[in-house]
Amino acid sequence: MWHFDIRAMKPKKLAEGVELRIIPGKNMTMVFFHLQPGAEIPEHSHAHEQIGTVLKGSIELVVDQERRNINAGEAYHVASDVRHSGKCGETASEIIEVFSPPREDYHALT
């Protein structure tokens, strides 16, 4: 499949206040996140390189112990195996992230 209607995709719940819609690819995974105000993604790491951009709202991102607020229109990069976490700001946020190699754990949710 080469076309996806993001609005029509059924969201998957990753954590309290965190929903995602997943587009699986052969060499990468694209994920559309919707976070409720204050929702948190606990500190973790994975072998996947990760690049994201905030479309709406803001998140507080901690990457390798460096804390930064990422606002709509800004992007970030998390290298493979680096510890990171996130917390949604005061309003709901929408974020797109791309992972390479593919996130097989996310592919299993589709």
N, C-alpha and C. Protein backbone atom coordinates (compact mmCIF):
# COMPACT_ATOMS: atom_id res chain seq x y z
N MET A 1 0.84 -1.18 0.00
CA MET A 1 0.00 0.00 0.00
C MET A 1 0.88 1.24 0.00
N TRP A 2 0.57 2.24 -0.79
CA TRP A 2 1.39 3.43 -0.87
C TRP A 2 0.66 4.69 -0.40
N HIS A 3 -0.64 4.58 -0.10
CA HIS A 3 -1.42 5.74 0.36
C HIS A 3 -2.08 5.42 1.69
N PHE A 4 -2.03 6.37 2.61
CA PHE A 4 -2.61 6.19 3.94
C PHE A 4 -3.42 7.42 4.31
N ASP A 5 -4.64 7.23 4.81
CA ASP A 5 -5.46 8.32 5.33
C ASP A 5 -5.29 8.30 6.85
N ILE A 6 -4.44 9.18 7.35
CA ILE A 6 -4.09 9.18 8.77
C ILE A 6 -5.34 9.34 9.63
N ARG A 7 -6.25 10.21 9.22
CA ARG A 7 -7.47 10.46 10.01
C ARG A 7 -8.35 9.22 10.12
N ALA A 8 -8.30 8.36 9.13
CA ALA A 8 -9.14 7.16 9.12
C ALA A 8 -8.50 5.99 9.87
N MET A 9 -7.22 6.09 10.20
CA MET A 9 -6.53 4.99 10.89
C MET A 9 -6.97 4.92 12.34
N LYS A 10 -7.20 3.72 12.84
CA LYS A 10 -7.57 3.54 14.24
C LYS A 10 -6.32 3.73 15.11
N PRO A 11 -6.38 4.64 16.09
CA PRO A 11 -5.20 4.88 16.92
C PRO A 11 -4.93 3.71 17.87
N LYS A 12 -3.67 3.51 18.17
CA LYS A 12 -3.23 2.52 19.16
C LYS A 12 -2.78 3.28 20.41
N LYS A 13 -3.08 2.74 21.57
CA LYS A 13 -2.69 3.39 22.83
C LYS A 13 -1.33 2.87 23.26
N LEU A 14 -0.37 3.78 23.36
CA LEU A 14 0.98 3.42 23.79
C LEU A 14 1.11 3.54 25.30
N ALA A 15 0.52 4.59 25.86
CA ALA A 15 0.54 4.86 27.29
C ALA A 15 -0.64 5.77 27.59
N GLU A 16 -0.89 6.06 28.85
CA GLU A 16 -1.98 6.95 29.20
C GLU A 16 -1.80 8.30 28.54
N GLY A 17 -2.77 8.69 27.71
CA GLY A 17 -2.71 9.98 27.03
C GLY A 17 -1.85 10.00 25.79
N VAL A 18 -1.37 8.83 25.34
CA VAL A 18 -0.49 8.75 24.17
C VAL A 18 -1.10 7.79 23.15
N GLU A 19 -1.50 8.34 22.01
CA GLU A 19 -2.03 7.52 20.92
C GLU A 19 -1.11 7.63 19.72
N LEU A 20 -1.04 6.55 18.94
CA LEU A 20 -0.21 6.57 17.76
C LEU A 20 -0.89 5.88 16.60
N ARG A 21 -0.54 6.36 15.42
CA ARG A 21 -0.96 5.76 14.16
C ARG A 21 0.33 5.43 13.40
N ILE A 22 0.42 4.19 12.93
CA ILE A 22 1.69 3.66 12.43
C ILE A 22 1.62 3.38 10.94
N ILE A 23 2.65 3.83 10.23
CA ILE A 23 2.81 3.47 8.82
C ILE A 23 4.09 2.63 8.74
N PRO A 24 3.93 1.32 8.53
CA PRO A 24 5.11 0.45 8.46
C PRO A 24 5.73 0.46 7.07
N GLY A 25 7.04 0.51 7.03
CA GLY A 25 7.76 0.44 5.77
C GLY A 25 8.81 -0.65 5.82
N LYS A 26 9.39 -0.95 4.69
CA LYS A 26 10.42 -1.99 4.61
C LYS A 26 11.69 -1.56 5.34
N ASN A 27 12.07 -0.29 5.23
CA ASN A 27 13.33 0.19 5.80
C ASN A 27 13.16 1.25 6.88
N MET A 28 11.92 1.64 7.17
CA MET A 28 11.66 2.65 8.19
C MET A 28 10.23 2.52 8.69
N THR A 29 9.94 3.22 9.76
CA THR A 29 8.59 3.29 10.31
C THR A 29 8.27 4.75 10.54
N MET A 30 7.08 5.18 10.11
CA MET A 30 6.60 6.53 10.40
C MET A 30 5.47 6.42 11.40
N VAL A 31 5.51 7.29 12.43
CA VAL A 31 4.50 7.24 13.48
C VAL A 31 3.93 8.64 13.70
N PHE A 32 2.62 8.73 13.73
CA PHE A 32 1.92 9.96 14.05
C PHE A 32 1.43 9.84 15.49
N PHE A 33 1.95 10.69 16.36
CA PHE A 33 1.60 10.67 17.79
C PHE A 33 0.60 11.78 18.10
N HIS A 34 -0.35 11.47 18.98
CA HIS A 34 -1.23 12.48 19.57
C HIS A 34 -1.08 12.32 21.08
N LEU A 35 -0.64 13.39 21.74
CA LEU A 35 -0.42 13.36 23.19
C LEU A 35 -1.37 14.33 23.88
N GLN A 36 -1.98 13.88 24.96
CA GLN A 36 -2.81 14.72 25.79
C GLN A 36 -1.91 15.57 26.69
N PRO A 37 -2.39 16.72 27.15
CA PRO A 37 -1.57 17.57 28.03
C PRO A 37 -1.02 16.78 29.22
N GLY A 38 0.27 16.91 29.46
CA GLY A 38 0.93 16.25 30.59
C GLY A 38 1.27 14.78 30.38
N ALA A 39 0.86 14.19 29.25
CA ALA A 39 1.17 12.77 29.00
C ALA A 39 2.68 12.57 28.93
N GLU A 40 3.13 11.42 29.44
CA GLU A 40 4.57 11.16 29.51
C GLU A 40 4.95 9.88 28.79
N ILE A 41 6.12 9.92 28.18
CA ILE A 41 6.75 8.72 27.63
C ILE A 41 7.99 8.49 28.47
N PRO A 42 8.01 7.40 29.24
CA PRO A 42 9.12 7.15 30.18
C PRO A 42 10.46 7.03 29.47
N GLU A 43 11.53 7.24 30.23
CA GLU A 43 12.88 7.12 29.69
C GLU A 43 13.09 5.71 29.14
N HIS A 44 13.69 5.65 27.97
CA HIS A 44 13.96 4.37 27.31
C HIS A 44 15.03 4.59 26.24
N SER A 45 15.46 3.52 25.64
CA SER A 45 16.37 3.58 24.50
C SER A 45 16.03 2.42 23.57
N HIS A 46 16.46 2.53 22.33
CA HIS A 46 16.24 1.46 21.35
C HIS A 46 17.30 1.59 20.27
N ALA A 47 17.45 0.54 19.50
CA ALA A 47 18.49 0.49 18.47
C ALA A 47 18.16 1.36 17.26
N HIS A 48 16.96 1.92 17.23
CA HIS A 48 16.50 2.67 16.08
C HIS A 48 16.91 4.14 16.15
N GLU A 49 17.41 4.68 15.04
CA GLU A 49 17.60 6.12 14.92
C GLU A 49 16.21 6.73 14.80
N GLN A 50 16.02 7.91 15.38
CA GLN A 50 14.69 8.51 15.46
C GLN A 50 14.79 10.00 15.14
N ILE A 51 13.94 10.45 14.21
CA ILE A 51 13.86 11.87 13.87
C ILE A 51 12.40 12.26 13.97
N GLY A 52 12.13 13.40 14.63
CA GLY A 52 10.75 13.82 14.81
C GLY A 52 10.57 15.31 14.65
N THR A 53 9.31 15.69 14.46
CA THR A 53 8.95 17.10 14.41
C THR A 53 7.61 17.30 15.10
N VAL A 54 7.48 18.40 15.81
CA VAL A 54 6.24 18.74 16.48
C VAL A 54 5.39 19.56 15.52
N LEU A 55 4.19 19.08 15.24
CA LEU A 55 3.28 19.78 14.34
C LEU A 55 2.38 20.75 15.09
N LYS A 56 2.02 20.38 16.32
CA LYS A 56 1.08 21.16 17.12
C LYS A 56 1.45 20.99 18.58
N GLY A 57 1.38 22.07 19.36
CA GLY A 57 1.68 21.99 20.79
C GLY A 57 3.18 22.01 21.04
N SER A 58 3.57 21.33 22.12
CA SER A 58 4.99 21.28 22.48
C SER A 58 5.24 20.04 23.35
N ILE A 59 6.50 19.63 23.40
CA ILE A 59 6.91 18.55 24.29
C ILE A 59 8.21 18.95 24.97
N GLU A 60 8.37 18.44 26.17
CA GLU A 60 9.65 18.55 26.85
C GLU A 60 10.38 17.25 26.57
N LEU A 61 11.49 17.34 25.88
CA LEU A 61 12.25 16.16 25.47
C LEU A 61 13.56 16.13 26.24
N VAL A 62 13.90 14.97 26.80
CA VAL A 62 15.18 14.79 27.47
C VAL A 62 15.93 13.74 26.67
N VAL A 63 17.07 14.13 26.11
CA VAL A 63 17.90 13.24 25.31
C VAL A 63 19.29 13.21 25.93
N ASP A 64 19.69 12.02 26.38
CA ASP A 64 21.01 11.85 26.99
C ASP A 64 21.23 12.89 28.10
N GLN A 65 20.22 13.05 28.94
CA GLN A 65 20.20 13.93 30.12
C GLN A 65 20.14 15.42 29.78
N GLU A 66 20.00 15.79 28.51
CA GLU A 66 19.83 17.20 28.12
C GLU A 66 18.34 17.47 27.90
N ARG A 67 17.80 18.43 28.64
CA ARG A 67 16.37 18.76 28.60
C ARG A 67 16.13 19.97 27.70
N ARG A 68 15.08 19.85 26.84
CA ARG A 68 14.76 20.97 25.94
C ARG A 68 13.28 20.94 25.60
N ASN A 69 12.67 22.11 25.51
CA ASN A 69 11.29 22.22 25.03
C ASN A 69 11.31 22.30 23.51
N ILE A 70 10.52 21.42 22.88
CA ILE A 70 10.43 21.39 21.43
C ILE A 70 9.02 21.87 21.07
N ASN A 71 8.94 22.96 20.31
CA ASN A 71 7.67 23.57 19.97
C ASN A 71 7.27 23.25 18.54
N ALA A 72 6.00 23.55 18.21
CA ALA A 72 5.51 23.34 16.84
C ALA A 72 6.45 24.02 15.85
N GLY A 73 6.81 23.29 14.81
CA GLY A 73 7.71 23.80 13.79
C GLY A 73 9.18 23.47 14.05
N GLU A 74 9.46 22.82 15.17
CA GLU A 74 10.84 22.42 15.48
C GLU A 74 10.98 20.91 15.34
N ALA A 75 12.21 20.47 15.12
CA ALA A 75 12.50 19.05 14.92
C ALA A 75 13.62 18.61 15.84
N TYR A 76 13.82 17.29 15.93
CA TYR A 76 14.85 16.72 16.80
C TYR A 76 15.33 15.40 16.22
N HIS A 77 16.49 14.97 16.71
CA HIS A 77 17.10 13.72 16.30
C HIS A 77 17.58 12.99 17.55
N VAL A 78 17.27 11.70 17.63
CA VAL A 78 17.76 10.86 18.73
C VAL A 78 18.55 9.73 18.08
N ALA A 79 19.83 9.65 18.39
CA ALA A 79 20.68 8.60 17.82
C ALA A 79 20.33 7.24 18.41
N SER A 80 20.74 6.20 17.76
CA SER A 80 20.52 4.83 18.23
C SER A 80 21.08 4.63 19.63
N ASP A 81 20.35 3.89 20.45
CA ASP A 81 20.77 3.47 21.79
C ASP A 81 20.99 4.61 22.79
N VAL A 82 20.45 5.79 22.52
CA VAL A 82 20.56 6.92 23.45
C VAL A 82 19.29 6.99 24.31
N ARG A 83 19.46 7.13 25.61
CA ARG A 83 18.32 7.22 26.54
C ARG A 83 17.59 8.53 26.30
N HIS A 84 16.24 8.45 26.28
CA HIS A 84 15.43 9.64 26.06
C HIS A 84 14.03 9.44 26.64
N SER A 85 13.36 10.57 26.91
CA SER A 85 12.00 10.56 27.42
C SER A 85 11.30 11.82 26.95
N GLY A 86 9.99 11.87 27.12
CA GLY A 86 9.25 13.04 26.70
C GLY A 86 8.03 13.28 27.56
N LYS A 87 7.59 14.54 27.58
CA LYS A 87 6.38 14.92 28.30
C LYS A 87 5.67 16.00 27.50
N CYS A 88 4.38 15.81 27.28
CA CYS A 88 3.59 16.78 26.55
C CYS A 88 3.44 18.05 27.38
N GLY A 89 3.38 19.19 26.69
CA GLY A 89 3.19 20.47 27.36
C GLY A 89 1.76 20.66 27.86
N GLU A 90 1.35 21.91 27.96
CA GLU A 90 0.06 22.26 28.56
C GLU A 90 -1.13 22.07 27.63
N THR A 91 -0.87 21.92 26.33
CA THR A 91 -1.95 21.66 25.37
C THR A 91 -1.64 20.37 24.62
N ALA A 92 -2.66 19.78 24.03
CA ALA A 92 -2.47 18.55 23.25
C ALA A 92 -1.43 18.79 22.16
N SER A 93 -0.65 17.75 21.86
CA SER A 93 0.41 17.86 20.87
C SER A 93 0.28 16.79 19.80
N GLU A 94 0.71 17.15 18.60
CA GLU A 94 0.79 16.20 17.49
C GLU A 94 2.22 16.18 16.99
N ILE A 95 2.74 14.98 16.82
CA ILE A 95 4.15 14.78 16.49
C ILE A 95 4.26 13.71 15.42
N ILE A 96 5.18 13.89 14.50
CA ILE A 96 5.53 12.84 13.54
C ILE A 96 6.95 12.39 13.85
N GLU A 97 7.15 11.07 13.92
CA GLU A 97 8.49 10.53 14.09
C GLU A 97 8.74 9.45 13.05
N VAL A 98 10.00 9.38 12.63
CA VAL A 98 10.44 8.35 11.68
C VAL A 98 11.57 7.58 12.33
N PHE A 99 11.50 6.26 12.23
CA PHE A 99 12.48 5.36 12.84
C PHE A 99 13.14 4.51 11.76
N SER A 100 14.44 4.30 11.91
CA SER A 100 15.16 3.38 11.03
C SER A 100 16.24 2.69 11.86
N PRO A 101 16.38 1.37 11.75
CA PRO A 101 15.55 0.46 10.97
C PRO A 101 14.12 0.44 11.49
N PRO A 102 13.23 -0.27 10.81
CA PRO A 102 11.82 -0.29 11.20
C PRO A 102 11.61 -0.73 12.64
N ARG A 103 10.58 -0.16 13.26
CA ARG A 103 10.19 -0.54 14.63
C ARG A 103 9.25 -1.74 14.51
N GLU A 104 9.82 -2.93 14.55
CA GLU A 104 9.01 -4.14 14.41
C GLU A 104 7.98 -4.25 15.54
N ASP A 105 8.30 -3.73 16.74
CA ASP A 105 7.34 -3.76 17.83
C ASP A 105 6.11 -2.91 17.48
N TYR A 106 6.31 -1.79 16.80
CA TYR A 106 5.17 -0.98 16.35
C TYR A 106 4.45 -1.64 15.18
N HIS A 107 5.20 -2.25 14.26
CA HIS A 107 4.58 -2.94 13.13
C HIS A 107 3.62 -4.01 13.62
N ALA A 108 3.95 -4.66 14.72
CA ALA A 108 3.09 -5.73 15.27
C ALA A 108 1.75 -5.17 15.75
N LEU A 109 1.67 -3.87 16.00
CA LEU A 109 0.43 -3.25 16.46
C LEU A 109 -0.54 -2.95 15.31
N THR A 110 -0.04 -2.97 14.06
CA THR A 110 -0.89 -2.61 12.94
C THR A 110 -1.74 -3.78 12.49
